Amino acid sequence: MAAKDKIIFALDVANTDEAAKWVSVLKGRVGFFKIGLELFTATGPDIVGLVKEAGIKVFLDLKFHDIPNTVAGAVRSAVRLGVDMMTLHLSGGKAMIAAGVEAAREESANLGITRPKIIGVSVLTSLGDSDMKELGFRANAVEQVMSLLDVALKSGADGMVCSAADLDRIKPLALKGFTIITPGIRPAGVDKGDQSRIATPASAIKAGSSLLVIGRPISAAADPVKAVELIATEIETAG
């Protein structure tokens, strides 16, 4: 996989025009565009078509979390949109994740297309140990992540979102082909924003991350194209 294909650009904008601008600027320069809650809520599912028509893979990051039947229905809808990966909250439990995986398999087979990857979300990178305690969890952030990794592996998820701080624990336990997606990526010298657990592109790749979610370090850069090129170069040096 080329270094640029390991970059997921977070398309965290509020409308179709802004999204189209970034599609034009970054087409062919990153591997995926992440469509999250803000953009999907503002534009609806048509935004997926806009990105796919440009030949860019879509990572639908809506973090489905509901009863298994409802999540299965949402996954089927996402499959019909043509997304390449989507997120489900691992805290929904094994039955919910398994229902999502099976729904993706069935719907893809019916349509004759490649099944999108089902990616589990563990502990958000904005949460630290104090937040976990405040939310009523007995486990700290690391312990909770490891517990949710078990859910992902036993329910058939294709991968997991986790912070770079958890990679050294997760990578040795992950199955072959298990996709590890790391947000909270900040190249050296870039403000960490609202992320509590961050890493540079090189350190995350060296620690075992498969794909990196990067938003503001690119979108807020004076020259976004140059910023992407520098990140890709850093990924290449990490091997």
Protein backbone atom coordinates (compact mmCIF):
# COMPACT_ATOMS: atom_id res chain seq x y z
CA MET A 1 0.00 0.00 0.00
CA ALA A 2 1.36 3.41 -0.98
CA ALA A 3 1.97 5.87 1.84
CA LYS A 4 -0.76 8.23 0.64
CA ASP A 5 -3.29 5.39 0.73
CA LYS A 6 -2.76 5.08 4.48
CA ILE A 7 -4.15 8.60 4.97
CA ILE A 8 -7.84 9.04 5.77
CA PHE A 9 -8.77 12.69 5.39
CA ALA A 10 -11.44 13.75 7.88
CA LEU A 11 -14.01 15.59 5.78
CA ASP A 12 -15.26 17.54 8.79
CA VAL A 13 -17.12 20.30 6.96
CA ALA A 14 -20.69 21.54 7.10
CA ASN A 15 -21.96 21.53 3.53
CA THR A 16 -21.66 20.03 0.06
CA ASP A 17 -19.76 22.98 -1.43
CA GLU A 18 -16.98 22.72 1.15
CA ALA A 19 -16.86 18.97 0.69
CA ALA A 20 -16.61 19.32 -3.08
CA LYS A 21 -13.71 21.74 -2.65
CA TRP A 22 -11.74 19.21 -0.63
CA VAL A 23 -12.58 16.43 -3.06
CA SER A 24 -11.09 18.57 -5.83
CA VAL A 25 -7.99 19.49 -3.81
CA LEU A 26 -7.17 16.05 -2.40
CA LYS A 27 -8.39 13.68 -5.11
CA GLY A 28 -5.65 11.14 -5.73
CA ARG A 29 -3.61 12.38 -2.78
CA VAL A 30 -5.22 10.41 0.07
CA GLY A 31 -6.63 6.90 0.40
CA PHE A 32 -10.00 7.62 2.00
CA PHE A 33 -12.32 10.45 2.90
CA LYS A 34 -13.98 10.10 6.28
CA ILE A 35 -17.60 11.23 6.28
CA GLY A 36 -18.76 11.86 9.82
CA LEU A 37 -21.81 13.04 11.69
CA GLU A 38 -21.59 16.74 10.86
CA LEU A 39 -21.38 16.38 7.09
CA PHE A 40 -23.74 13.42 6.77
CA THR A 41 -26.39 15.14 8.89
CA ALA A 42 -26.06 18.34 6.87
CA THR A 43 -26.11 16.82 3.40
CA GLY A 44 -27.65 13.36 3.66
CA PRO A 45 -26.41 10.24 1.87
CA ASP A 46 -25.81 12.05 -1.44
CA ILE A 47 -22.43 13.14 -0.09
CA VAL A 48 -21.22 9.55 -0.33
CA GLY A 49 -22.00 9.56 -4.04
CA LEU A 50 -20.10 12.80 -4.56
CA VAL A 51 -16.95 11.30 -3.05
CA LYS A 52 -17.30 7.91 -4.75
CA GLU A 53 -17.82 9.53 -8.17
CA ALA A 54 -14.42 11.17 -7.74
CA GLY A 55 -12.86 7.73 -7.35
CA ILE A 56 -12.14 8.13 -3.63
CA LYS A 57 -12.87 5.48 -1.02
CA VAL A 58 -15.39 6.37 1.69
CA PHE A 59 -14.98 5.70 5.41
CA LEU A 60 -18.46 6.29 6.84
CA ASP A 61 -17.88 7.21 10.47
CA LEU A 62 -21.37 7.38 12.00
CA LYS A 63 -20.58 5.02 14.89
CA PHE A 64 -23.80 3.00 14.76
CA HIS A 65 -24.93 2.00 18.25
CA ASP A 66 -28.41 0.56 18.82
CA ILE A 67 -30.16 -2.78 19.18
CA PRO A 68 -28.79 -5.43 16.78
CA ASN A 69 -31.75 -5.35 14.38
CA THR A 70 -31.62 -1.57 14.00
CA VAL A 71 -27.86 -1.57 13.45
CA ALA A 72 -28.18 -4.36 10.88
CA GLY A 73 -30.68 -2.23 8.95
CA ALA A 74 -28.38 0.80 9.09
CA VAL A 75 -25.47 -1.29 7.84
CA ARG A 76 -27.51 -2.58 4.90
CA SER A 77 -28.35 1.00 3.95
CA ALA A 78 -24.68 1.97 4.14
CA VAL A 79 -23.73 -0.98 1.94
CA ARG A 80 -26.23 0.19 -0.68
CA LEU A 81 -24.58 3.61 -0.62
CA GLY A 82 -21.31 1.99 -1.67
CA VAL A 83 -19.14 2.89 1.32
CA ASP A 84 -15.84 1.05 1.76
CA MET A 85 -15.67 1.05 5.56
CA MET A 86 -18.05 2.01 8.35
CA THR A 87 -17.91 2.29 12.13
CA LEU A 88 -19.96 0.61 14.85
CA HIS A 89 -19.55 1.28 18.58
CA LEU A 90 -18.03 -1.79 20.21
CA SER A 91 -19.80 -0.88 23.44
CA GLY A 92 -22.99 -2.06 21.70
CA GLY A 93 -21.82 -5.60 22.42
CA LYS A 94 -20.94 -8.77 20.51
CA ALA A 95 -24.47 -9.48 19.27
CA MET A 96 -24.80 -5.99 17.79
CA ILE A 97 -21.41 -6.13 16.05
CA ALA A 98 -22.04 -9.63 14.72
CA ALA A 99 -25.43 -8.54 13.36
CA GLY A 100 -23.76 -5.66 11.55
CA VAL A 101 -21.08 -7.91 10.05
CA GLU A 102 -23.67 -10.42 8.83
CA ALA A 103 -25.89 -7.69 7.39
CA ALA A 104 -22.91 -6.29 5.46
CA ARG A 105 -22.07 -9.76 4.14
CA GLU A 106 -25.63 -10.53 3.04
CA GLU A 107 -26.32 -7.17 1.43
CA SER A 108 -23.00 -7.13 -0.42
CA ALA A 109 -23.63 -10.63 -1.73
CA ASN A 110 -27.09 -9.61 -2.92
CA LEU A 111 -25.63 -6.63 -4.75
CA GLY A 112 -22.61 -8.50 -6.09
CA ILE A 113 -20.14 -6.03 -4.58
CA THR A 114 -17.17 -6.23 -2.23
CA ARG A 115 -18.25 -6.20 1.40
CA PRO A 116 -17.27 -3.01 3.21
CA LYS A 117 -15.17 -3.38 6.32
CA ILE A 118 -16.88 -3.16 9.69
CA ILE A 119 -14.68 -1.15 12.04
CA GLY A 120 -15.27 -1.09 15.79
CA VAL A 121 -14.92 2.10 17.82
CA SER A 122 -13.43 1.64 21.27
CA VAL A 123 -12.69 4.57 23.58
CA LEU A 124 -12.83 7.99 21.92
CA THR A 125 -9.46 9.72 21.76
CA SER A 126 -10.97 12.75 23.48
CA LEU A 127 -11.50 10.67 26.64
CA GLY A 128 -8.92 10.09 29.34
CA ASP A 129 -8.94 8.19 32.64
CA SER A 130 -10.69 10.98 34.53
CA ASP A 131 -13.48 10.95 31.95
CA MET A 132 -13.88 7.19 32.29
CA LYS A 133 -14.28 7.54 36.05
CA GLU A 134 -16.78 10.36 35.63
CA LEU A 135 -18.82 8.18 33.25
CA GLY A 136 -19.03 5.42 35.84
CA PHE A 137 -16.56 2.93 34.35
CA ARG A 138 -14.48 0.91 36.79
CA ALA A 139 -11.86 0.36 34.11
CA ASN A 140 -9.43 3.05 33.03
CA ALA A 141 -9.15 3.98 29.36
CA VAL A 142 -6.55 1.33 28.55
CA GLU A 143 -8.44 -1.46 30.31
CA GLN A 144 -11.66 -0.51 28.55
CA VAL A 145 -9.95 -0.51 25.16
CA MET A 146 -8.60 -4.01 25.76
CA SER A 147 -12.03 -5.24 26.80
CA LEU A 148 -13.55 -3.81 23.63
CA LEU A 149 -10.80 -5.38 21.50
CA ASP A 150 -12.06 -8.74 22.74
CA VAL A 151 -15.57 -7.77 21.60
CA ALA A 152 -14.23 -6.84 18.15
CA LEU A 153 -12.27 -10.06 17.67
CA LYS A 154 -15.03 -12.38 18.89
CA SER A 155 -17.81 -10.71 16.90
CA GLY A 156 -16.06 -10.73 13.51
CA ALA A 157 -15.25 -7.04 13.14
CA ASP A 158 -12.66 -6.28 10.45
CA GLY A 159 -10.80 -3.72 12.48
CA MET A 160 -10.82 -1.22 15.28
CA VAL A 161 -10.30 2.47 15.89
CA CYS A 162 -7.90 3.15 18.73
CA SER A 163 -5.45 5.76 19.89
CA ALA A 164 -1.76 5.45 19.19
CA ALA A 165 -1.18 5.02 22.93
CA ASP A 166 -3.00 1.68 22.78
CA LEU A 167 -1.24 0.28 19.69
CA ASP A 168 1.55 -1.53 21.52
CA ARG A 169 -1.05 -3.56 23.41
CA ILE A 170 -3.49 -4.13 20.57
CA LYS A 171 -1.17 -4.95 17.67
CA PRO A 172 0.22 -8.20 19.18
CA LEU A 173 -3.31 -9.49 19.82
CA ALA A 174 -4.85 -8.49 16.50
CA LEU A 175 -5.60 -11.17 13.93
CA LYS A 176 -3.85 -11.14 10.55
CA GLY A 177 -5.52 -8.58 8.30
CA PHE A 178 -7.16 -6.78 11.23
CA THR A 179 -7.32 -3.10 10.26
CA ILE A 180 -6.18 -0.69 12.97
CA ILE A 181 -7.26 2.91 12.39
CA THR A 182 -5.67 5.65 14.46
CA PRO A 183 -7.14 9.13 14.90
CA GLY A 184 -5.56 11.92 16.91
CA ILE A 185 -2.64 12.17 14.47
CA ARG A 186 -0.65 15.37 14.76
CA PRO A 187 2.60 15.97 12.85
CA ALA A 188 5.33 17.59 14.93
CA GLY A 189 4.63 21.24 15.68
CA VAL A 190 0.85 21.03 15.12
CA ASP A 191 -1.52 21.93 17.96
CA LYS A 192 -3.22 18.85 19.48
CA GLY A 193 -6.65 20.54 19.61
CA ASP A 194 -9.25 18.55 21.61
CA GLN A 195 -7.42 15.22 21.36
CA SER A 196 -6.05 13.82 24.62
CA ARG A 197 -4.05 10.91 23.20
CA ILE A 198 -2.12 11.83 20.07
CA ALA A 199 0.84 10.66 17.96
CA THR A 200 2.85 11.65 14.91
CA PRO A 201 2.23 9.80 11.63
CA ALA A 202 5.58 8.01 11.81
CA SER A 203 5.21 6.84 15.41
CA ALA A 204 1.69 5.52 14.79
CA ILE A 205 2.74 3.52 11.71
CA LYS A 206 5.80 2.13 13.49
CA ALA A 207 3.59 1.04 16.40
CA GLY A 208 1.32 -0.94 14.08
CA SER A 209 -1.40 1.35 12.80
CA SER A 210 -2.82 0.44 9.38
CA LEU A 211 -4.54 3.72 8.53
CA LEU A 212 -4.33 7.25 9.96
CA VAL A 213 -7.22 9.69 10.35
CA ILE A 214 -5.97 13.23 9.77
CA GLY A 215 -8.11 16.33 9.54
CA ARG A 216 -7.06 19.71 10.88
CA PRO A 217 -3.31 19.29 10.24
CA ILE A 218 -4.28 19.19 6.55
CA SER A 219 -7.38 21.39 6.36
CA ALA A 220 -5.90 24.16 8.52
CA ALA A 221 -2.52 24.15 6.77
CA ALA A 222 -1.49 27.14 4.68
CA ASP A 223 -0.83 24.69 1.84
CA PRO A 224 -2.98 21.54 2.32
CA VAL A 225 -1.44 19.72 -0.64
CA LYS A 226 2.05 20.29 0.71
CA ALA A 227 0.88 19.16 4.15
CA VAL A 228 -0.39 15.88 2.71
CA GLU A 229 2.84 15.33 0.80
CA LEU A 230 4.91 15.87 3.95
CA ILE A 231 2.73 13.44 5.91
CA ALA A 232 3.05 10.83 3.16
CA THR A 233 6.81 11.25 3.17
CA GLU A 234 6.88 10.79 6.94
CA ILE A 235 4.82 7.61 6.60
CA GLU A 236 7.26 6.28 3.99
CA THR A 237 10.21 6.82 6.33
CA ALA A 238 8.39 4.86 9.02
CA GLY A 239 8.35 1.81 6.76
